[in-house]
């Protein structure tokens, strides 16, 4: 008797795939802030002597959302479109320190658009869920615009501080013996422009501007900024 071939049902994609994609999103969002904290720690370790202790003053402030959806019309004179979720928090660095950093990037004629994400996670593996902002991306006039449906991957490849294709980079090399990163020389078309963009990235991801960013754009937000205006979209995350 001839056996009949068996037919296998199509294999459904594992639900873990979506989970790991979201993990990558969260890692990208936090990387800039973690890099900033690493620089702070390395600076203390390099300069510390005797029983010098690292201050905990550089830790993230705990912020929580307690207000309904509201609407803000402008930020630094630029119109905003979108719903704003207000939060209650301790004051940090004032807007007067953040504004010139953002304006310096806006005034660069080669910068076409930039933006970042900010949110309080809904879940943090049992730890406190703390607001943070980061993952500043920038599009210059030398960058092609992202294709429809490819915005997330495009922004991931245009983060300030990583190897940005048109801004350049200032790479760091890890020394496994001293366990310290060594900063290498800048490579790219314009170091002054890179430094202006990096200063804004550090201001966003350091945690010291959370007061300003939450007041202006709210929680769970994706911000996109051009010379024509600011758009706030809801940031979908865990």
Protein backbone atom coordinates (compact mmCIF):
# COMPACT_ATOMS: atom_id res chain seq x y z
CA UNK A 1 0.00 0.00 0.00
CA UNK A 2 1.35 3.44 -0.94
CA UNK A 3 1.43 5.92 1.94
CA UNK A 4 -0.16 9.31 1.42
CA UNK A 5 2.04 12.38 1.94
CA UNK A 6 1.22 14.39 5.01
CA UNK A 7 0.33 18.06 4.77
CA UNK A 8 1.72 20.39 7.43
CA UNK A 9 -0.14 23.46 8.53
CA UNK A 10 1.67 26.79 8.12
CA UNK A 11 3.73 27.73 11.14
CA UNK A 12 2.34 30.77 12.88
CA UNK A 13 4.90 33.41 13.90
CA UNK A 14 5.76 33.19 17.57
CA UNK A 15 4.25 35.82 19.82
CA UNK A 16 7.77 36.24 21.19
CA UNK A 17 8.76 38.01 17.97
CA UNK A 18 6.57 41.02 18.78
CA UNK A 19 7.84 41.00 22.35
CA UNK A 20 11.48 41.11 21.29
CA UNK A 21 10.78 43.88 18.79
CA UNK A 22 9.35 45.96 21.62
CA UNK A 23 12.40 45.12 23.75
CA UNK A 24 14.61 46.54 20.99
CA UNK A 25 12.51 49.70 20.92
CA UNK A 26 12.93 50.16 24.67
CA UNK A 27 16.68 49.48 24.48
CA UNK A 28 17.11 52.11 21.75
CA UNK A 29 15.12 54.65 23.74
CA UNK A 30 17.20 54.17 26.87
CA UNK A 31 20.63 53.84 25.23
CA UNK A 32 21.35 57.56 24.95
CA UNK A 33 20.46 58.09 28.60
CA UNK A 34 22.59 55.13 29.71
CA UNK A 35 25.54 56.43 27.69
CA UNK A 36 25.21 59.79 29.43
CA UNK A 37 25.22 58.14 32.86
CA UNK A 38 28.23 56.02 31.88
CA UNK A 39 30.15 59.20 31.02
CA UNK A 40 29.26 60.67 34.42
CA UNK A 41 30.38 57.51 36.25
CA UNK A 42 33.60 57.23 34.26
CA UNK A 43 34.37 60.87 34.98
CA UNK A 44 33.96 60.29 38.72
CA UNK A 45 36.09 57.13 38.60
CA UNK A 46 38.82 58.88 36.64
CA UNK A 47 39.01 61.89 38.97
CA UNK A 48 38.12 60.31 42.32
CA UNK A 49 40.72 59.98 45.05
CA UNK A 50 40.66 58.68 48.64
CA UNK A 51 37.15 57.96 49.87
CA UNK A 52 35.35 60.09 47.29
CA UNK A 53 31.81 58.84 46.79
CA UNK A 54 29.66 59.11 43.71
CA UNK A 55 26.73 61.37 44.39
CA UNK A 56 23.26 60.02 43.81
CA UNK A 57 22.06 63.44 42.72
CA UNK A 58 22.35 62.38 39.09
CA UNK A 59 19.70 59.68 39.38
CA UNK A 60 16.40 59.90 37.55
CA UNK A 61 13.66 61.77 39.38
CA UNK A 62 10.50 59.82 39.98
CA UNK A 63 7.68 61.40 38.01
CA UNK A 64 4.05 60.42 37.78
CA UNK A 65 1.12 61.44 35.65
CA UNK A 66 -1.88 62.74 37.58
CA UNK A 67 -3.73 65.00 35.14
CA UNK A 68 -6.24 64.64 32.32
CA UNK A 69 -5.50 65.20 28.65
CA UNK A 70 -5.01 68.88 27.90
CA UNK A 71 -3.81 70.90 24.93
CA UNK A 72 -0.82 73.22 24.59
CA UNK A 73 -0.76 75.61 21.64
CA UNK A 74 2.91 76.60 21.39
CA UNK A 75 6.41 75.78 22.62
CA UNK A 76 9.08 78.49 22.26
CA UNK A 77 6.66 80.21 19.89
CA UNK A 78 6.26 77.14 17.65
CA UNK A 79 2.71 75.74 17.25
CA UNK A 80 2.00 72.26 18.66
CA UNK A 81 -0.63 69.84 17.39
CA UNK A 82 -1.70 66.95 19.63
CA UNK A 83 -3.05 66.02 23.05
CA UNK A 84 -0.83 66.76 26.06
CA UNK A 85 -0.87 64.63 29.24
CA UNK A 86 0.20 66.74 32.24
CA UNK A 87 2.32 65.40 35.10
CA UNK A 88 3.21 66.43 38.64
CA UNK A 89 6.96 66.60 39.27
CA UNK A 90 9.79 68.41 41.02
CA UNK A 91 11.38 71.30 39.15
CA UNK A 92 14.70 70.58 37.49
CA UNK A 93 16.61 72.67 34.93
CA UNK A 94 14.55 75.58 33.62
CA UNK A 95 13.40 76.14 30.07
CA UNK A 96 15.93 78.97 29.79
CA UNK A 97 18.70 76.34 29.70
CA UNK A 98 16.93 74.01 27.28
CA UNK A 99 15.70 76.63 24.80
CA UNK A 100 19.06 77.76 23.35
CA UNK A 101 20.15 74.14 22.78
CA UNK A 102 17.03 73.41 20.77
CA UNK A 103 17.18 76.75 18.96
CA UNK A 104 20.77 76.08 17.89
CA UNK A 105 19.63 72.92 16.09
CA UNK A 106 16.57 74.65 14.60
CA UNK A 107 18.76 77.46 13.26
CA UNK A 108 21.02 75.04 11.36
CA UNK A 109 19.91 75.31 7.71
CA UNK A 110 20.92 71.71 7.00
CA UNK A 111 18.60 70.27 9.69
CA UNK A 112 15.20 69.47 8.19
CA UNK A 113 13.52 67.70 11.12
CA UNK A 114 14.27 66.07 14.46
CA UNK A 115 12.42 64.38 17.28
CA UNK A 116 12.42 61.95 20.19
CA UNK A 117 10.17 59.81 22.41
CA UNK A 118 9.25 60.37 26.04
CA UNK A 119 7.12 58.26 28.36
CA UNK A 120 6.65 56.53 31.67
CA UNK A 121 6.68 52.76 31.08
CA UNK A 122 3.60 50.83 32.11
CA UNK A 123 5.72 47.91 33.30
CA UNK A 124 9.29 47.70 34.62
CA UNK A 125 9.66 44.12 35.89
CA UNK A 126 8.56 45.03 39.40
CA UNK A 127 10.67 48.19 39.67
CA UNK A 128 9.28 51.70 39.79
CA UNK A 129 8.10 53.01 36.44
CA UNK A 130 10.00 56.26 35.84
CA UNK A 131 9.55 58.84 33.11
CA UNK A 132 12.39 59.29 30.64
CA UNK A 133 13.04 60.91 27.28
CA UNK A 134 15.60 60.09 24.64
CA UNK A 135 16.49 58.64 21.25
CA UNK A 136 16.95 61.99 19.51
CA UNK A 137 16.93 61.48 15.74
CA UNK A 138 17.82 64.12 13.18
CA UNK A 139 17.20 64.37 9.44
CA UNK A 140 19.53 66.69 7.50
CA UNK A 141 19.13 67.86 3.92
CA UNK A 142 21.57 65.11 2.93
CA UNK A 143 19.34 62.35 4.34
CA UNK A 144 16.64 60.74 2.21
CA UNK A 145 13.18 60.95 3.76
CA UNK A 146 11.96 57.67 5.30
CA UNK A 147 9.60 55.56 3.23
CA UNK A 148 6.05 55.05 4.46
CA UNK A 149 5.96 52.27 7.04
CA UNK A 150 9.72 52.41 7.59
CA UNK A 151 9.86 55.40 9.93
CA UNK A 152 10.89 53.45 13.05
CA UNK A 153 13.85 51.73 11.39
CA UNK A 154 14.87 55.00 9.70
CA UNK A 155 14.90 56.87 12.99
CA UNK A 156 16.82 54.08 14.68
CA UNK A 157 19.56 54.51 12.04
CA UNK A 158 19.66 58.30 12.47
CA UNK A 159 20.07 58.63 16.23
CA UNK A 160 22.49 61.29 17.47
CA UNK A 161 25.50 59.70 19.15
CA UNK A 162 25.40 56.56 17.05
CA UNK A 163 26.93 56.42 13.59
CA UNK A 164 24.67 59.01 12.02
CA UNK A 165 25.07 58.80 8.22
CA UNK A 166 25.20 62.58 7.65
CA UNK A 167 26.11 64.06 11.05
CA UNK A 168 29.09 61.78 11.68
CA UNK A 169 30.18 60.40 15.02
CA UNK A 170 32.74 60.56 17.81
CA UNK A 171 33.24 56.84 18.53
CA UNK A 172 34.35 55.33 21.82
CA UNK A 173 36.51 52.25 22.28
CA UNK A 174 36.12 49.97 25.31
CA UNK A 175 39.34 48.97 27.11
CA UNK A 176 38.72 45.59 28.73
CA UNK A 177 41.75 46.03 31.02
CA UNK A 178 40.98 49.47 32.49
CA UNK A 179 37.25 48.97 31.89
CA UNK A 180 36.94 52.53 30.63
CA UNK A 181 35.77 53.89 27.28
CA UNK A 182 38.27 55.99 25.32
CA UNK A 183 36.79 58.80 23.26
CA UNK A 184 38.17 58.90 19.70
CA UNK A 185 38.34 61.87 17.35
CA UNK A 186 35.30 63.05 15.46
CA UNK A 187 34.72 61.74 11.95
CA UNK A 188 32.20 63.45 9.69
CA UNK A 189 31.42 66.58 7.69
CA UNK A 190 30.95 69.21 10.43
CA UNK A 191 32.06 68.75 14.05
CA UNK A 192 30.43 71.97 15.28
CA UNK A 193 27.06 70.84 13.94
CA UNK A 194 27.55 67.42 15.52
CA UNK A 195 28.32 69.01 18.90
CA UNK A 196 25.19 71.19 18.74
CA UNK A 197 23.04 68.14 18.03
CA UNK A 198 24.79 66.10 20.71
CA UNK A 199 24.23 68.87 23.29
CA UNK A 200 20.50 68.76 22.59
CA UNK A 201 20.50 64.96 22.75
CA UNK A 202 22.23 65.01 26.14
CA UNK A 203 19.80 67.64 27.46
CA UNK A 204 16.85 65.45 26.47
CA UNK A 205 18.18 62.10 27.69
CA UNK A 206 19.97 63.24 30.87
CA UNK A 207 16.75 63.54 32.88
CA UNK A 208 17.46 67.14 33.89
CA UNK A 209 15.01 68.53 31.32
CA UNK A 210 12.10 66.23 32.24
CA UNK A 211 10.31 69.15 33.85
CA UNK A 212 10.41 71.15 30.62
CA UNK A 213 9.56 68.23 28.34
CA UNK A 214 6.63 66.96 30.40
CA UNK A 215 5.15 70.45 30.71
CA UNK A 216 5.45 71.06 26.99
CA UNK A 217 4.60 67.69 25.41
CA UNK A 218 3.18 65.42 28.12
CA UNK A 219 3.66 61.73 28.77
CA UNK A 220 3.58 58.85 26.23
CA UNK A 221 4.55 61.16 23.39
CA UNK A 222 6.48 61.07 20.12
CA UNK A 223 7.66 64.55 19.20
CA UNK A 224 8.56 65.70 15.70
CA UNK A 225 9.94 69.21 15.18
CA UNK A 226 10.44 71.24 12.00
CA UNK A 227 10.65 74.97 11.37
CA UNK A 228 6.95 74.91 10.50
CA UNK A 229 5.79 73.47 13.80
CA UNK A 230 5.81 70.68 16.38
CA UNK A 231 3.69 67.55 16.17
CA UNK A 232 2.94 65.38 19.20
CA UNK A 233 1.79 61.83 18.51
CA UNK A 234 0.89 59.14 21.01
CA UNK A 235 3.87 56.88 21.73
CA UNK A 236 2.75 53.23 21.72
CA UNK A 237 4.87 51.25 24.19
CA UNK A 238 4.71 48.80 27.08
